[in-house]
Protein backbone atom coordinates (compact mmCIF):
# COMPACT_ATOMS: atom_id res chain seq x y z
CA MET A 1 0.00 0.00 0.00
CA ALA A 2 1.30 3.46 -0.87
CA SER A 3 2.21 5.64 2.07
CA VAL A 4 0.07 8.69 2.97
CA PRO A 5 1.79 11.92 1.85
CA ALA A 6 2.91 14.26 4.60
CA VAL A 7 0.84 17.11 3.23
CA LEU A 8 -1.91 17.64 0.69
CA ARG A 9 -2.29 20.82 -1.32
CA VAL A 10 -5.97 21.74 -1.57
CA LEU A 11 -7.33 24.89 -3.21
CA GLY A 12 -3.90 26.49 -2.91
CA CYS A 13 -3.63 25.74 0.82
CA VAL A 14 -1.14 23.28 2.32
CA ILE A 15 -2.96 21.00 4.78
CA PRO A 16 -1.27 18.44 7.03
CA ALA A 17 -2.51 14.99 6.09
CA MET A 18 -3.35 14.21 9.71
CA LEU A 19 -6.09 16.86 9.57
CA LEU A 20 -7.87 14.76 6.97
CA GLY A 21 -7.21 11.35 8.48
CA ALA A 22 -9.52 8.72 9.85
CA ALA A 23 -11.90 9.73 12.59
CA PRO A 24 -12.04 8.18 16.05
CA SER A 25 -15.01 5.96 16.84
CA GLN A 26 -16.41 8.52 19.29
CA ALA A 27 -17.80 11.56 17.43
CA VAL A 28 -16.76 14.95 18.78
CA VAL A 29 -18.38 17.90 17.00
CA PRO A 30 -16.12 20.95 17.56
CA SER A 31 -17.79 23.67 19.59
CA GLY A 32 -17.39 27.42 19.24
CA ASN A 33 -15.83 29.32 16.37
CA LEU A 34 -13.68 27.14 14.10
CA LEU A 35 -11.81 30.20 12.79
CA ALA A 36 -8.61 31.37 14.46
CA ASN A 37 -8.11 35.14 14.66
CA PRO A 38 -11.57 35.80 13.21
CA GLY A 39 -11.37 39.57 13.61
CA ALA A 40 -7.64 40.34 13.23
CA GLU A 41 -7.35 40.96 16.97
CA ALA A 42 -4.23 38.78 17.23
CA ASP A 43 -2.32 41.39 15.17
CA VAL A 44 -1.11 44.94 15.72
CA GLY A 45 -3.36 46.75 13.28
CA SER A 46 -1.81 49.23 10.86
CA THR A 47 -2.45 52.97 11.18
CA ASP A 48 -1.40 53.72 7.59
CA ALA A 49 -4.39 55.79 6.47
CA SER A 50 -3.26 55.91 2.84
CA CYS A 51 -3.59 52.18 2.16
CA GLY A 52 -3.74 50.10 5.29
CA GLY A 53 -0.24 48.67 5.17
CA ASP A 54 0.86 45.12 4.50
CA LEU A 55 0.85 42.78 7.48
CA ASP A 56 1.37 39.07 7.88
CA VAL A 57 -2.05 38.40 9.39
CA THR A 58 -1.99 35.68 12.04
CA ALA A 59 -3.59 32.30 11.15
CA TRP A 60 -4.57 33.35 7.62
CA ALA A 61 -2.30 31.77 4.99
CA PRO A 62 -1.52 31.63 2.21
CA GLU A 63 -2.21 35.29 1.50
CA THR A 64 -2.28 36.93 -1.91
CA GLY A 65 -2.22 40.65 -2.62
CA THR A 66 -1.96 42.88 0.43
CA PHE A 67 -4.24 41.20 2.92
CA SER A 68 -4.03 43.44 6.00
CA ALA A 69 -5.24 44.19 9.50
CA ILE A 70 -5.97 47.87 10.18
CA GLN A 71 -7.16 49.73 13.25
CA TYR A 72 -10.66 51.15 13.44
CA GLY A 73 -10.62 54.95 13.30
CA THR A 74 -7.63 55.14 10.92
CA GLY A 75 -8.20 57.83 8.29
CA GLY A 76 -11.31 57.11 6.21
CA PHE A 77 -11.62 53.53 7.43
CA PRO A 78 -14.59 52.54 9.66
CA SER A 79 -14.62 54.45 12.94
CA ALA A 80 -14.16 53.33 16.53
CA ALA A 81 -17.86 54.09 17.03
CA GLU A 82 -18.71 51.61 14.29
CA SER A 83 -16.54 49.01 16.02
CA ALA A 84 -18.38 49.61 19.29
CA GLU A 85 -21.74 48.99 17.58
CA ILE A 86 -20.77 45.59 16.19
CA GLY A 87 -18.27 44.48 18.85
CA GLY A 88 -15.44 44.78 16.35
CA GLY A 89 -12.60 45.28 18.80
CA SER A 90 -9.49 47.17 17.67
CA ASN A 91 -8.93 45.84 14.14
CA LEU A 92 -10.61 44.70 10.93
CA PHE A 93 -9.43 42.98 7.75
CA THR A 94 -8.85 45.07 4.62
CA GLY A 95 -7.16 44.69 1.24
CA GLY A 96 -4.62 47.52 1.54
CA CYS A 97 -2.80 48.65 -1.64
CA PRO A 98 -2.05 45.57 -3.72
CA THR A 99 -0.62 45.60 -7.22
CA ASP A 100 -3.51 43.34 -8.08
CA ALA A 101 -7.10 44.31 -7.40
CA VAL A 102 -7.81 41.15 -5.40
CA SER A 103 -6.49 40.06 -1.99
CA THR A 104 -7.24 36.66 -0.47
CA ALA A 105 -6.39 34.65 2.62
CA GLU A 106 -7.34 31.16 3.82
CA GLN A 107 -7.32 28.84 6.80
CA THR A 108 -8.42 25.25 7.33
CA ALA A 109 -10.08 23.57 10.32
CA ALA A 110 -9.99 19.82 11.00
CA VAL A 111 -13.35 18.15 11.68
CA ALA A 112 -12.41 14.48 11.26
CA GLY A 113 -13.28 13.90 14.92
CA ALA A 114 -16.94 14.51 14.09
CA ALA A 115 -16.99 12.06 11.16
CA PRO A 116 -19.69 9.71 12.57
CA GLU A 117 -22.21 12.55 13.06
CA ILE A 118 -21.22 14.26 9.81
CA ASP A 119 -21.63 11.03 7.85
CA ALA A 120 -25.04 10.52 9.47
CA GLY A 121 -26.12 13.90 8.09
CA GLN A 122 -26.62 15.35 11.57
CA VAL A 123 -24.28 18.37 11.42
CA GLY A 124 -24.97 21.85 10.07
CA ALA A 125 -22.57 24.76 9.47
CA THR A 126 -23.24 28.44 10.06
CA LEU A 127 -21.09 31.20 8.54
CA THR A 128 -21.52 34.80 9.70
CA GLY A 129 -19.54 38.00 9.51
CA TYR A 130 -19.62 41.76 9.08
CA LEU A 131 -18.68 42.80 5.55
CA GLY A 132 -18.44 46.22 3.94
CA GLY A 133 -16.56 48.85 2.04
CA PHE A 134 -15.77 52.54 1.60
CA SER A 135 -18.27 55.28 0.77
CA SER A 136 -19.82 55.03 -2.73
CA GLN A 137 -17.05 52.76 -4.04
CA ASP A 138 -18.02 49.16 -4.75
CA ASP A 139 -14.90 47.65 -3.18
CA GLN A 140 -16.20 44.60 -1.35
CA ALA A 141 -15.56 41.47 0.69
CA LYS A 142 -16.73 37.89 0.26
CA VAL A 143 -16.20 34.86 2.51
CA GLU A 144 -16.43 31.32 1.10
CA VAL A 145 -16.36 27.91 2.78
CA PHE A 146 -15.28 24.66 1.09
CA PHE A 147 -15.96 21.22 2.60
CA LEU A 148 -13.05 18.83 1.99
CA GLY A 149 -13.01 15.05 1.96
CA ALA A 150 -10.37 12.69 3.33
CA SER A 151 -8.32 12.97 0.12
CA GLY A 152 -8.39 16.78 0.30
CA GLY A 153 -10.80 17.27 -2.59
CA ASP A 154 -13.72 19.68 -2.49
CA LEU A 155 -16.97 17.75 -1.89
CA GLY A 156 -19.16 20.47 -3.35
CA SER A 157 -20.06 21.06 -6.96
CA ALA A 158 -18.91 24.14 -8.85
CA GLY A 159 -17.95 27.04 -6.58
CA ALA A 160 -18.01 27.37 -2.81
CA ASP A 161 -20.33 25.37 -0.57
CA LEU A 162 -21.21 28.27 1.74
CA VAL A 163 -20.90 32.00 0.91
CA ILE A 164 -21.60 35.37 2.53
CA GLY A 165 -21.23 38.66 0.68
CA PRO A 166 -20.45 40.73 -1.11
CA VAL A 167 -21.99 43.86 0.44
CA THR A 168 -22.29 46.51 -2.28
CA ALA A 169 -22.23 50.29 -2.03
CA ALA A 170 -25.99 50.26 -2.62
CA ASP A 171 -26.44 47.87 0.32
CA ARG A 172 -24.47 50.32 2.49
CA ALA A 173 -26.43 53.37 1.21
CA ASN A 174 -23.07 54.68 -0.12
CA MET A 175 -21.70 54.90 3.43
CA THR A 176 -18.45 53.54 4.87
CA ASP A 177 -19.96 50.66 6.80
CA LEU A 178 -19.99 46.95 7.66
CA LEU A 179 -23.21 44.94 7.54
CA LEU A 180 -24.05 41.58 9.06
CA ARG A 181 -24.34 38.65 6.67
CA SER A 182 -25.13 35.01 7.50
CA ALA A 183 -25.59 31.68 5.71
CA LYS A 184 -26.27 28.09 6.79
CA THR A 185 -26.02 24.67 5.20
CA GLY A 186 -25.72 21.02 6.09
CA VAL A 187 -22.18 19.62 6.25
CA PRO A 188 -21.78 17.11 3.38
CA VAL A 189 -21.24 13.45 4.19
CA GLY A 190 -17.53 12.65 3.99
CA THR A 191 -16.29 16.05 5.19
CA ARG A 192 -13.02 15.83 7.13
CA ALA A 193 -11.77 19.43 6.96
CA ILE A 194 -13.26 22.85 6.19
CA LEU A 195 -11.41 25.57 4.29
CA THR A 196 -12.48 29.22 4.69
CA ARG A 197 -11.36 31.87 2.20
CA ILE A 198 -11.69 35.68 2.43
CA THR A 199 -11.64 37.58 -0.87
CA LEU A 200 -11.31 41.38 -0.86
CA THR A 201 -11.82 43.07 -4.24
CA ARG A 202 -11.00 46.61 -5.40
CA PHE A 203 -13.17 48.24 -8.08
CA SER A 204 -12.01 51.86 -7.81
CA GLY A 205 -9.49 54.09 -6.04
CA SER A 206 -5.91 53.27 -5.05
CA ALA A 207 -6.74 51.14 -1.99
CA ASN A 208 -8.58 47.85 -1.81
CA ASP A 209 -11.35 48.86 0.59
CA GLY A 210 -13.03 45.50 0.99
CA TYR A 211 -13.64 45.15 4.75
CA ALA A 212 -14.40 42.12 6.93
CA ASP A 213 -14.65 41.53 10.68
CA ASN A 214 -16.13 39.25 13.34
CA LEU A 215 -16.11 36.18 11.12
CA SER A 216 -17.57 33.02 12.60
CA LEU A 217 -17.85 29.44 11.36
CA THR A 218 -19.64 27.11 13.76
CA LEU A 219 -20.94 23.56 13.64
CA GLY A 220 -24.01 22.24 15.40
CA SER A 221 -27.03 20.07 15.03
CA ALA A 222 -28.50 20.45 11.58
CA ALA A 223 -31.48 22.50 12.73
CA PRO A 224 -34.36 22.51 10.26
CA ALA A 225 -35.11 25.71 8.39
CA PRO A 226 -37.39 28.17 10.22
CA VAL A 227 -41.06 28.01 9.24
CA LEU A 228 -42.91 31.21 8.35
CA GLY A 229 -45.04 32.37 11.26
CA THR A 230 -44.33 29.21 13.25
CA THR A 231 -40.66 28.84 14.26
CA VAL A 232 -37.38 30.79 14.26
CA ASN A 233 -33.77 29.68 14.80
CA VAL A 234 -31.68 31.30 17.53
CA GLU A 235 -28.10 31.03 18.76
CA THR A 236 -25.95 32.89 21.27
CA VAL A 237 -23.34 35.16 19.66
CA ARG A 238 -21.71 36.36 22.87
CA GLY A 239 -22.40 36.54 26.59
CA VAL A 240 -25.39 34.85 28.21
CA VAL A 241 -28.78 34.60 26.49
CA LEU A 242 -31.89 33.13 28.14
CA VAL A 243 -34.92 31.69 26.36
CA ARG A 244 -38.43 30.96 27.62
CA LEU A 245 -41.00 28.98 25.69
CA ARG A 246 -44.69 29.55 26.34
CA GLY A 247 -45.65 28.08 29.68
CA GLY A 248 -42.05 27.41 30.62
CA ARG A 249 -39.21 29.04 32.55
CA PHE A 250 -36.15 30.93 31.37
CA THR A 251 -33.23 28.62 30.55
CA ARG A 252 -29.80 29.31 29.12
CA LEU A 253 -29.44 29.16 25.33
CA ASP A 254 -26.27 27.14 24.75
CA ASP A 255 -26.67 25.80 21.21
CA VAL A 256 -28.38 26.60 17.94
CA SER A 257 -32.06 26.02 18.65
CA GLN A 258 -35.36 26.23 16.84
CA ILE A 259 -38.05 27.82 19.00
CA PRO A 260 -41.70 28.62 18.37
CA VAL A 261 -42.96 32.10 17.54
CA GLY A 262 -44.25 33.64 20.77
CA SER A 263 -41.16 32.68 22.79
CA LEU A 264 -39.29 35.19 24.97
CA LEU A 265 -35.57 35.97 24.79
CA ASP A 266 -33.54 37.75 27.48
CA THR A 267 -30.47 39.42 25.96
CA ARG A 268 -29.63 41.83 28.78
CA ARG A 269 -26.29 40.03 29.32
CA GLY A 270 -25.59 38.83 25.79
CA THR A 271 -26.36 38.94 22.08
CA VAL A 272 -28.61 36.53 20.20
CA ARG A 273 -28.61 35.83 16.46
CA LEU A 274 -32.16 35.27 15.22
CA THR A 275 -32.99 33.74 11.82
CA SER A 276 -36.55 33.77 10.54
CA ALA A 277 -38.24 32.78 7.29
CA ARG A 278 -38.86 35.43 4.62
CA ASP A 279 -41.31 33.25 2.71
CA ARG A 280 -42.37 29.64 2.26
CA SER A 281 -39.65 28.83 -0.28
CA GLY A 282 -36.76 28.65 2.23
CA VAL A 283 -35.41 32.22 2.02
CA THR A 284 -34.32 33.47 5.45
CA GLN A 285 -33.29 36.71 7.16
CA THR A 286 -30.95 37.29 10.10
CA GLY A 287 -30.38 39.86 12.85
CA ASP A 288 -28.32 40.27 16.02
CA PHE A 289 -30.18 41.62 19.07
CA ALA A 290 -28.96 42.64 22.51
CA ALA A 291 -29.60 44.60 25.72
CA GLY A 292 -33.25 43.71 26.31
CA VAL A 293 -36.06 41.23 26.82
CA PHE A 294 -38.41 40.67 23.89
CA GLN A 295 -41.11 38.38 22.53
CA ILE A 296 -40.99 37.09 18.95
CA ALA A 297 -44.02 37.53 16.68
CA GLN A 298 -44.45 36.74 12.98
CA SER A 299 -47.50 36.47 10.74
CA ARG A 300 -48.10 33.42 8.54
CA ARG A 301 -49.66 35.63 5.85
CA SER A 302 -47.70 35.89 2.60
CA SER A 303 -48.64 39.57 2.40
CA ALA A 304 -46.54 40.26 5.53
CA LYS A 305 -43.44 39.20 3.54
CA GLY A 306 -41.78 37.61 6.55
CA LEU A 307 -41.92 40.70 8.80
CA THR A 308 -40.65 39.56 12.20
CA GLU A 309 -41.69 41.67 15.19
CA LEU A 310 -39.74 41.85 18.46
CA ARG A 311 -41.93 43.17 21.26
CA LEU A 312 -40.14 44.75 24.22
CA LYS A 313 -41.11 43.04 27.47
CA GLY A 314 -40.21 43.09 31.13
CA ALA A 315 -39.63 45.92 33.65
CA SER A 316 -42.28 48.13 35.24
CA PHE A 317 -43.39 51.66 34.45
CA ALA A 318 -44.59 52.10 38.04
CA ARG A 319 -41.36 53.97 38.78
CA CYS A 320 -42.23 56.67 36.27
CA GLY A 321 -43.09 59.93 38.02
CA LYS A 322 -43.38 63.57 37.15
CA ARG A 323 -40.16 65.44 36.59
CA ARG A 324 -39.71 68.45 38.86
CA ALA A 325 -39.96 71.78 37.10
CA ARG A 326 -37.08 74.23 37.36
CA GLY A 327 -37.73 77.15 39.64
CA GLY A 328 -41.08 75.74 40.69
CA ASP A 329 -42.61 76.44 37.27
CA ALA A 330 -45.34 73.80 36.87
CA ARG A 331 -45.44 74.40 33.12
CA GLY A 332 -42.01 72.75 32.83
CA ALA A 333 -43.04 69.57 34.61
CA GLY A 334 -43.47 66.27 32.75
CA LEU A 335 -42.64 62.60 32.80
CA SER A 336 -39.01 61.74 33.50
CA ARG A 337 -36.61 60.42 30.87
CA ARG A 338 -35.85 57.33 32.93
CA ALA A 339 -35.12 54.36 30.64
CA ILE A 340 -37.28 51.37 31.56
CA ARG A 341 -36.34 48.84 28.88
CA ARG A 342 -34.45 48.76 25.60
CA LEU A 343 -33.34 46.65 22.66
CA ARG A 344 -30.47 47.08 20.20
CA GLY A 345 -30.48 45.45 16.79
CA THR A 346 -28.38 45.00 13.66
CA ALA A 347 -30.31 43.16 11.01
CA SER A 348 -30.57 42.31 7.34
CA GLY A 349 -34.17 41.69 6.28
CA ARG A 350 -37.65 42.66 7.46
CA PHE A 351 -37.62 43.17 11.23
CA ARG A 352 -39.67 45.44 13.49
CA THR A 353 -39.20 46.33 17.14
CA ARG A 354 -42.29 47.36 19.10
CA GLY A 355 -42.25 49.44 22.25
CA ARG A 356 -44.93 51.05 24.41
CA ASN A 357 -45.59 54.07 22.20
CA SER A 358 -44.18 53.23 18.77
CA SER A 359 -42.79 50.56 16.46
CA ALA A 360 -39.71 50.71 14.22
CA THR A 361 -39.59 48.79 10.94
CA VAL A 362 -36.18 48.22 9.34
CA ARG A 363 -34.61 46.56 6.33
CA GLY A 364 -30.89 46.07 6.85
CA THR A 365 -29.74 48.60 9.43
CA SER A 366 -28.56 49.21 13.01
CA TRP A 367 -30.85 50.84 15.55
CA GLU A 368 -31.89 51.02 19.20
CA MET A 369 -35.33 51.34 20.79
CA ILE A 370 -35.70 52.60 24.37
CA ASP A 371 -38.97 52.63 26.28
CA ARG A 372 -38.71 55.63 28.62
CA CYS A 373 -41.15 57.13 31.06
CA ASP A 374 -41.82 60.04 28.70
CA GLY A 375 -42.16 57.94 25.53
CA THR A 376 -40.43 55.49 23.20
CA LEU A 377 -37.14 56.68 21.73
CA THR A 378 -35.82 55.20 18.48
CA ARG A 379 -32.18 55.97 17.70
CA VAL A 380 -30.77 55.01 14.27
CA ARG A 381 -27.07 54.26 13.91
CA ARG A 382 -27.03 53.10 10.28
CA GLY A 383 -29.53 52.97 7.47
CA SER A 384 -33.07 54.26 8.04
CA VAL A 385 -36.08 53.22 10.11
CA ALA A 386 -39.80 53.80 9.61
CA VAL A 387 -41.18 54.72 13.06
CA ARG A 388 -44.91 54.41 13.64
CA ASP A 389 -46.07 56.80 16.37
CA PHE A 390 -49.12 55.19 17.97
CA ARG A 391 -50.48 58.33 19.64
CA ARG A 392 -50.05 60.65 16.66
CA ARG A 393 -51.00 57.90 14.18
CA LYS A 394 -48.26 58.84 11.76
CA THR A 395 -45.12 57.26 10.35
CA VAL A 396 -41.79 59.09 10.47
CA VAL A 397 -38.67 58.00 8.57
CA VAL A 398 -35.61 58.34 10.83
CA ARG A 399 -32.19 58.23 9.18
CA ALA A 400 -28.68 57.44 10.44
CA GLY A 401 -27.51 59.69 13.26
CA LYS A 402 -31.04 60.85 14.11
CA SER A 403 -33.61 59.81 16.70
CA TYR A 404 -37.35 60.12 17.26
CA LEU A 405 -39.32 60.22 20.52
CA ALA A 406 -42.91 58.99 20.39
CA ARG A 407 -44.31 60.64 23.49
CA GLY A 408 -46.53 58.76 25.89
């Protein structure tokens, strides 16, 4: 019998043969993020505002072009405030100033230990990340996943098996921004390793301003697709998230789960990723939500086009009292601005948050809703939101950097 080669070259990446070897009899599905250095935080990000510099980015190899890590807030790159909104840390990936218009980088994760479950068709893969670009330029990022067999060959058909991106200038409303993208699929039978490739492409200007951050590739039970108006899929992104089904108690959400519409989620100490159906054909939409307690609602009607409503719950307005007027002037008195409950969201698709005095309908944006004693405040960080004021019975479009208070 011929000996097994020390390494196999797959899709341009050198992979140790032991990563693709035979699996143990006891299946062990890897937990957590399979990607090392998923947000360039293991590197000292460049502060070269002209191009982004050329760094040897940890864990991503081989690299082509000028695949770089740059610090948020450098020159015209995304700001530190943007990083704070998405939990981006200090750095993000960018393409820098390559001679070629395309920069790529790869890494491979071994999953041979989970072979029994994979070969039984019981494992699903989820790829997520924040992707973006600069201003009105169409420079963009794409992340692809390839499932590899024991011989190192790609098990998929033509092209990648799992893809997120690109995010175009139109998607970003011609703003320098990063937007959340997510995709799921079942892991093919025979998979023994998974290769992830980032591609950053320049279309104009001197710098390759394709941006990527917070990449995540996770494996879990192959949860069925969410059903319109009936079920949604949820998973914890960071921190601690609690879930309560109707008639039950709050329990910790530790794995990708499918829960019925009407369930409650507590994200006051964490962030949850929620995926719901857009229609009955299998198209889905995804959002990250944090900082509040909410109930999930979704209509089964096709006319609703998958609109998923998150209703703020919990807390008591009994603490709301009149605000003292300055100088004893009763005309200046009113309800206090005390915040009672809130919810932050970054979503791609049709989502709506509903507070005490208004609702906010979005389609791919970042926003926050705060139920206060004096009304419901909607604050938009990116994109635009249609706010429905219940008392005034009117809809107001609120754009990035603005806010609207629907008074109680």
